């Protein structure tokens, strides 16, 4: 994987962001894009975390759970012009992102 980051030197926080962004599988973006497209009305799209996780798992059937960092797409979509707000209604509730 060409990361365009020199790993022979100390890396910066920006370098880490680049590495993490490039490590997200295309299927994750496909799932997010589908959720956005299917729920887009009046320049606004809202969907649940479980909805996107379900789509990711269908696209990557060899997995039984989704890596948490794959769901941290706020910065990536913000760069594309989206205003991204993640609302966790159950901030004390934790769960595994599984099938």
N, C-alpha and C. Protein backbone atom coordinates (compact mmCIF):
# COMPACT_ATOMS: atom_id res chain seq x y z
N UNK A 1 0.85 -1.18 0.00
CA UNK A 1 0.00 0.00 0.00
C UNK A 1 0.89 1.23 0.00
N UNK A 2 0.74 2.09 -0.97
CA UNK A 2 1.49 3.34 -1.03
C UNK A 2 0.79 4.37 -0.16
N UNK A 3 1.39 4.69 0.97
CA UNK A 3 0.75 5.59 1.91
C UNK A 3 1.20 7.03 1.74
N UNK A 4 2.22 7.26 0.93
CA UNK A 4 2.82 8.59 0.75
C UNK A 4 3.20 9.21 2.09
N UNK A 5 3.59 8.36 3.02
CA UNK A 5 4.08 8.78 4.32
C UNK A 5 5.40 8.05 4.55
N UNK A 6 6.42 8.79 4.94
CA UNK A 6 7.71 8.17 5.19
C UNK A 6 7.67 7.51 6.56
N UNK A 7 7.61 6.19 6.58
CA UNK A 7 7.52 5.44 7.83
C UNK A 7 8.88 5.22 8.48
N UNK A 8 9.94 5.76 7.85
CA UNK A 8 11.28 5.67 8.44
C UNK A 8 11.56 6.84 9.37
N UNK A 9 10.60 7.74 9.49
CA UNK A 9 10.73 8.92 10.35
C UNK A 9 9.51 8.98 11.26
N UNK A 10 9.60 9.77 12.32
CA UNK A 10 8.40 9.93 13.16
C UNK A 10 7.24 10.47 12.32
N UNK A 11 6.05 9.96 12.59
CA UNK A 11 4.89 10.41 11.84
C UNK A 11 4.11 11.44 12.65
N UNK A 12 3.38 12.27 11.93
CA UNK A 12 2.57 13.32 12.54
C UNK A 12 1.13 12.82 12.70
N UNK A 13 0.33 13.54 13.48
CA UNK A 13 -1.10 13.18 13.55
C UNK A 13 -1.76 13.19 12.18
N UNK A 14 -1.37 14.12 11.33
CA UNK A 14 -1.94 14.17 9.97
C UNK A 14 -1.54 12.93 9.17
N UNK A 15 -0.31 12.46 9.36
CA UNK A 15 0.13 11.24 8.69
C UNK A 15 -0.73 10.05 9.12
N UNK A 16 -1.01 9.97 10.41
CA UNK A 16 -1.83 8.87 10.93
C UNK A 16 -3.22 8.92 10.31
N UNK A 17 -3.79 10.11 10.20
CA UNK A 17 -5.10 10.24 9.56
C UNK A 17 -5.07 9.73 8.13
N UNK A 18 -4.01 10.08 7.39
CA UNK A 18 -3.89 9.61 6.01
C UNK A 18 -3.81 8.09 5.95
N UNK A 19 -3.00 7.51 6.84
CA UNK A 19 -2.84 6.06 6.87
C UNK A 19 -4.18 5.39 7.19
N UNK A 20 -4.88 5.91 8.18
CA UNK A 20 -6.16 5.32 8.57
C UNK A 20 -7.20 5.45 7.46
N UNK A 21 -7.25 6.61 6.81
CA UNK A 21 -8.21 6.81 5.72
C UNK A 21 -7.95 5.82 4.59
N UNK A 22 -6.69 5.61 4.25
CA UNK A 22 -6.36 4.71 3.15
C UNK A 22 -6.58 3.24 3.52
N UNK A 23 -6.69 2.95 4.81
CA UNK A 23 -6.86 1.55 5.22
C UNK A 23 -8.34 1.14 5.30
N UNK A 24 -9.24 2.08 5.09
CA UNK A 24 -10.67 1.76 5.12
C UNK A 24 -11.05 1.08 3.80
N UNK A 25 -11.63 -0.09 3.86
CA UNK A 25 -12.01 -0.79 2.63
C UNK A 25 -13.06 -0.01 1.82
N UNK A 26 -12.99 -0.16 0.51
CA UNK A 26 -13.94 0.51 -0.38
C UNK A 26 -15.37 0.15 -0.03
N UNK A 27 -15.60 -1.07 0.44
CA UNK A 27 -16.95 -1.52 0.78
C UNK A 27 -17.56 -0.69 1.91
N UNK A 28 -16.73 -0.14 2.76
CA UNK A 28 -17.23 0.71 3.84
C UNK A 28 -17.79 2.00 3.25
N UNK A 29 -17.06 2.60 2.33
CA UNK A 29 -17.56 3.82 1.68
C UNK A 29 -18.80 3.52 0.84
N UNK A 30 -18.82 2.36 0.19
CA UNK A 30 -20.00 1.97 -0.57
C UNK A 30 -21.22 1.90 0.34
N UNK A 31 -21.04 1.31 1.52
CA UNK A 31 -22.15 1.18 2.47
C UNK A 31 -22.62 2.55 2.95
N UNK A 32 -21.70 3.42 3.30
CA UNK A 32 -22.07 4.78 3.72
C UNK A 32 -22.76 5.52 2.59
N UNK A 33 -22.22 5.42 1.38
CA UNK A 33 -22.82 6.12 0.24
C UNK A 33 -24.24 5.62 -0.04
N UNK A 34 -24.45 4.32 0.09
CA UNK A 34 -25.79 3.77 -0.10
C UNK A 34 -26.74 4.30 0.98
N UNK A 35 -26.29 4.33 2.21
CA UNK A 35 -27.14 4.85 3.30
C UNK A 35 -27.49 6.31 3.06
N UNK A 36 -26.50 7.08 2.62
CA UNK A 36 -26.76 8.49 2.33
C UNK A 36 -27.77 8.61 1.20
N UNK A 37 -27.53 7.88 0.11
CA UNK A 37 -28.42 7.96 -1.07
C UNK A 37 -29.84 7.51 -0.74
N UNK A 38 -29.97 6.43 0.01
CA UNK A 38 -31.29 5.90 0.33
C UNK A 38 -32.07 6.78 1.30
N UNK A 39 -31.38 7.58 2.08
CA UNK A 39 -32.04 8.39 3.11
C UNK A 39 -31.95 9.89 2.85
N UNK A 40 -31.57 10.27 1.65
CA UNK A 40 -31.35 11.69 1.34
C UNK A 40 -32.65 12.37 0.94
N UNK A 41 -33.03 13.38 1.72
CA UNK A 41 -34.21 14.18 1.45
C UNK A 41 -33.94 15.61 1.92
N UNK A 42 -34.26 16.58 1.08
CA UNK A 42 -34.08 18.00 1.43
C UNK A 42 -32.65 18.29 1.90
N UNK A 43 -31.67 17.80 1.15
CA UNK A 43 -30.24 18.02 1.46
C UNK A 43 -29.83 17.48 2.82
N UNK A 44 -30.47 16.41 3.26
CA UNK A 44 -30.23 15.86 4.58
C UNK A 44 -30.40 14.35 4.53
N UNK A 45 -29.51 13.64 5.17
CA UNK A 45 -29.64 12.18 5.26
C UNK A 45 -29.39 11.76 6.70
N UNK A 46 -30.25 10.91 7.19
CA UNK A 46 -30.10 10.40 8.55
C UNK A 46 -30.30 8.89 8.52
N UNK A 47 -29.38 8.17 9.16
CA UNK A 47 -29.47 6.72 9.22
C UNK A 47 -28.75 6.24 10.46
N UNK A 48 -29.08 5.02 10.84
CA UNK A 48 -28.50 4.49 12.08
C UNK A 48 -27.15 3.84 11.82
N UNK A 49 -26.40 3.76 12.87
CA UNK A 49 -25.11 3.08 12.86
C UNK A 49 -25.32 1.61 12.47
N UNK A 50 -26.35 1.00 13.03
CA UNK A 50 -26.61 -0.41 12.74
C UNK A 50 -26.95 -0.61 11.26
N UNK A 51 -27.61 0.36 10.65
CA UNK A 51 -27.93 0.26 9.23
C UNK A 51 -26.67 0.19 8.38
N UNK A 52 -25.71 1.05 8.67
CA UNK A 52 -24.48 1.05 7.88
C UNK A 52 -23.64 -0.19 8.21
N UNK A 53 -23.61 -0.61 9.46
CA UNK A 53 -22.86 -1.81 9.84
C UNK A 53 -23.44 -3.03 9.12
N UNK A 54 -24.74 -3.13 9.05
CA UNK A 54 -25.40 -4.23 8.36
C UNK A 54 -24.98 -4.28 6.89
N UNK A 55 -24.95 -3.12 6.25
CA UNK A 55 -24.55 -3.06 4.84
C UNK A 55 -23.08 -3.45 4.67
N UNK A 56 -22.23 -3.00 5.58
CA UNK A 56 -20.81 -3.34 5.50
C UNK A 56 -20.64 -4.86 5.61
N UNK A 57 -21.33 -5.46 6.57
CA UNK A 57 -21.20 -6.91 6.77
C UNK A 57 -21.74 -7.70 5.59
N UNK A 58 -22.75 -7.18 4.91
CA UNK A 58 -23.26 -7.85 3.72
C UNK A 58 -22.23 -7.77 2.58
N UNK A 59 -21.52 -6.65 2.52
CA UNK A 59 -20.52 -6.47 1.47
C UNK A 59 -19.22 -7.22 1.76
N UNK A 60 -18.97 -7.47 3.03
CA UNK A 60 -17.77 -8.19 3.45
C UNK A 60 -18.19 -9.42 4.26
N UNK A 61 -18.77 -10.41 3.60
CA UNK A 61 -19.36 -11.55 4.32
C UNK A 61 -18.36 -12.38 5.12
N UNK A 62 -17.08 -12.25 4.83
CA UNK A 62 -16.09 -13.01 5.58
C UNK A 62 -15.89 -12.44 6.99
N UNK A 63 -16.42 -11.26 7.26
CA UNK A 63 -16.27 -10.64 8.58
C UNK A 63 -17.47 -10.98 9.47
N UNK A 64 -17.22 -10.99 10.76
CA UNK A 64 -18.31 -11.15 11.73
C UNK A 64 -18.52 -9.88 12.52
N UNK A 65 -17.57 -8.94 12.43
CA UNK A 65 -17.74 -7.64 13.06
C UNK A 65 -16.97 -6.59 12.29
N UNK A 66 -17.32 -5.33 12.53
CA UNK A 66 -16.74 -4.20 11.82
C UNK A 66 -15.75 -3.51 12.74
N UNK A 67 -14.63 -3.10 12.19
CA UNK A 67 -13.66 -2.36 12.99
C UNK A 67 -14.24 -0.98 13.32
N UNK A 68 -14.18 -0.62 14.55
CA UNK A 68 -14.72 0.66 15.02
C UNK A 68 -14.17 1.84 14.22
N UNK A 69 -12.89 1.81 13.93
CA UNK A 69 -12.27 2.95 13.24
C UNK A 69 -12.82 3.15 11.82
N UNK A 70 -13.39 2.08 11.23
CA UNK A 70 -13.97 2.23 9.90
C UNK A 70 -15.19 3.14 9.93
N UNK A 71 -15.80 3.30 11.09
CA UNK A 71 -17.01 4.11 11.19
C UNK A 71 -16.71 5.58 11.49
N UNK A 72 -15.46 5.89 11.72
CA UNK A 72 -15.07 7.28 11.99
C UNK A 72 -14.78 8.00 10.68
N UNK A 73 -15.83 8.28 9.95
CA UNK A 73 -15.70 8.85 8.60
C UNK A 73 -16.02 10.34 8.56
N UNK A 74 -16.26 10.93 9.73
CA UNK A 74 -16.68 12.33 9.76
C UNK A 74 -15.74 13.24 8.98
N UNK A 75 -14.43 13.13 9.25
CA UNK A 75 -13.47 14.01 8.58
C UNK A 75 -13.41 13.77 7.08
N UNK A 76 -13.51 12.52 6.68
CA UNK A 76 -13.43 12.17 5.26
C UNK A 76 -14.60 12.77 4.50
N UNK A 77 -15.81 12.61 5.02
CA UNK A 77 -16.99 13.15 4.33
C UNK A 77 -17.07 14.68 4.47
N UNK A 78 -16.54 15.22 5.55
CA UNK A 78 -16.51 16.68 5.70
C UNK A 78 -15.64 17.30 4.61
N UNK A 79 -14.54 16.63 4.27
CA UNK A 79 -13.67 17.12 3.19
C UNK A 79 -14.40 17.15 1.85
N UNK A 80 -15.43 16.31 1.72
CA UNK A 80 -16.21 16.25 0.47
C UNK A 80 -17.39 17.22 0.50
N UNK A 81 -17.50 18.02 1.57
CA UNK A 81 -18.53 19.04 1.61
C UNK A 81 -19.73 18.73 2.50
N UNK A 82 -19.73 17.58 3.16
CA UNK A 82 -20.83 17.20 4.02
C UNK A 82 -20.65 17.79 5.42
N UNK A 83 -21.74 18.11 6.05
CA UNK A 83 -21.74 18.43 7.47
C UNK A 83 -22.16 17.14 8.16
N UNK A 84 -21.25 16.54 8.91
CA UNK A 84 -21.49 15.24 9.50
C UNK A 84 -21.66 15.39 11.00
N UNK A 85 -22.76 14.87 11.50
CA UNK A 85 -23.01 14.87 12.93
C UNK A 85 -23.33 13.45 13.35
N UNK A 86 -22.57 12.96 14.28
CA UNK A 86 -22.84 11.63 14.82
C UNK A 86 -23.53 11.81 16.17
N UNK A 87 -24.69 11.24 16.30
CA UNK A 87 -25.45 11.32 17.54
C UNK A 87 -25.58 9.92 18.11
N UNK A 88 -25.07 9.74 19.30
CA UNK A 88 -25.18 8.45 19.97
C UNK A 88 -26.22 8.59 21.07
N UNK A 89 -27.42 8.10 20.84
CA UNK A 89 -28.48 8.27 21.83
C UNK A 89 -28.24 7.48 23.10
N UNK A 90 -27.38 6.50 23.03
CA UNK A 90 -27.12 5.65 24.19
C UNK A 90 -25.65 5.75 24.57
N UNK A 91 -25.24 6.90 25.05
CA UNK A 91 -23.83 7.13 25.30
C UNK A 91 -23.26 6.21 26.37
N UNK A 92 -24.08 5.63 27.22
CA UNK A 92 -23.59 4.71 28.23
C UNK A 92 -23.70 3.25 27.78
N UNK A 93 -24.33 3.05 26.65
CA UNK A 93 -24.55 1.70 26.13
C UNK A 93 -23.45 1.35 25.16
N UNK A 94 -22.77 0.25 25.39
CA UNK A 94 -21.74 -0.18 24.45
C UNK A 94 -22.17 -1.51 23.85
N UNK A 95 -21.77 -1.74 22.63
CA UNK A 95 -22.12 -2.99 21.96
C UNK A 95 -21.08 -3.29 20.91
N UNK A 96 -21.00 -4.54 20.55
CA UNK A 96 -20.09 -4.95 19.49
C UNK A 96 -20.78 -4.74 18.15
N UNK A 97 -20.03 -4.34 17.19
CA UNK A 97 -20.56 -4.12 15.85
C UNK A 97 -20.49 -5.43 15.09
N UNK A 98 -21.52 -6.24 15.29
CA UNK A 98 -21.50 -7.58 14.72
C UNK A 98 -22.71 -7.83 13.85
N UNK A 99 -22.69 -8.94 13.18
CA UNK A 99 -23.77 -9.39 12.33
C UNK A 99 -24.97 -9.73 13.15
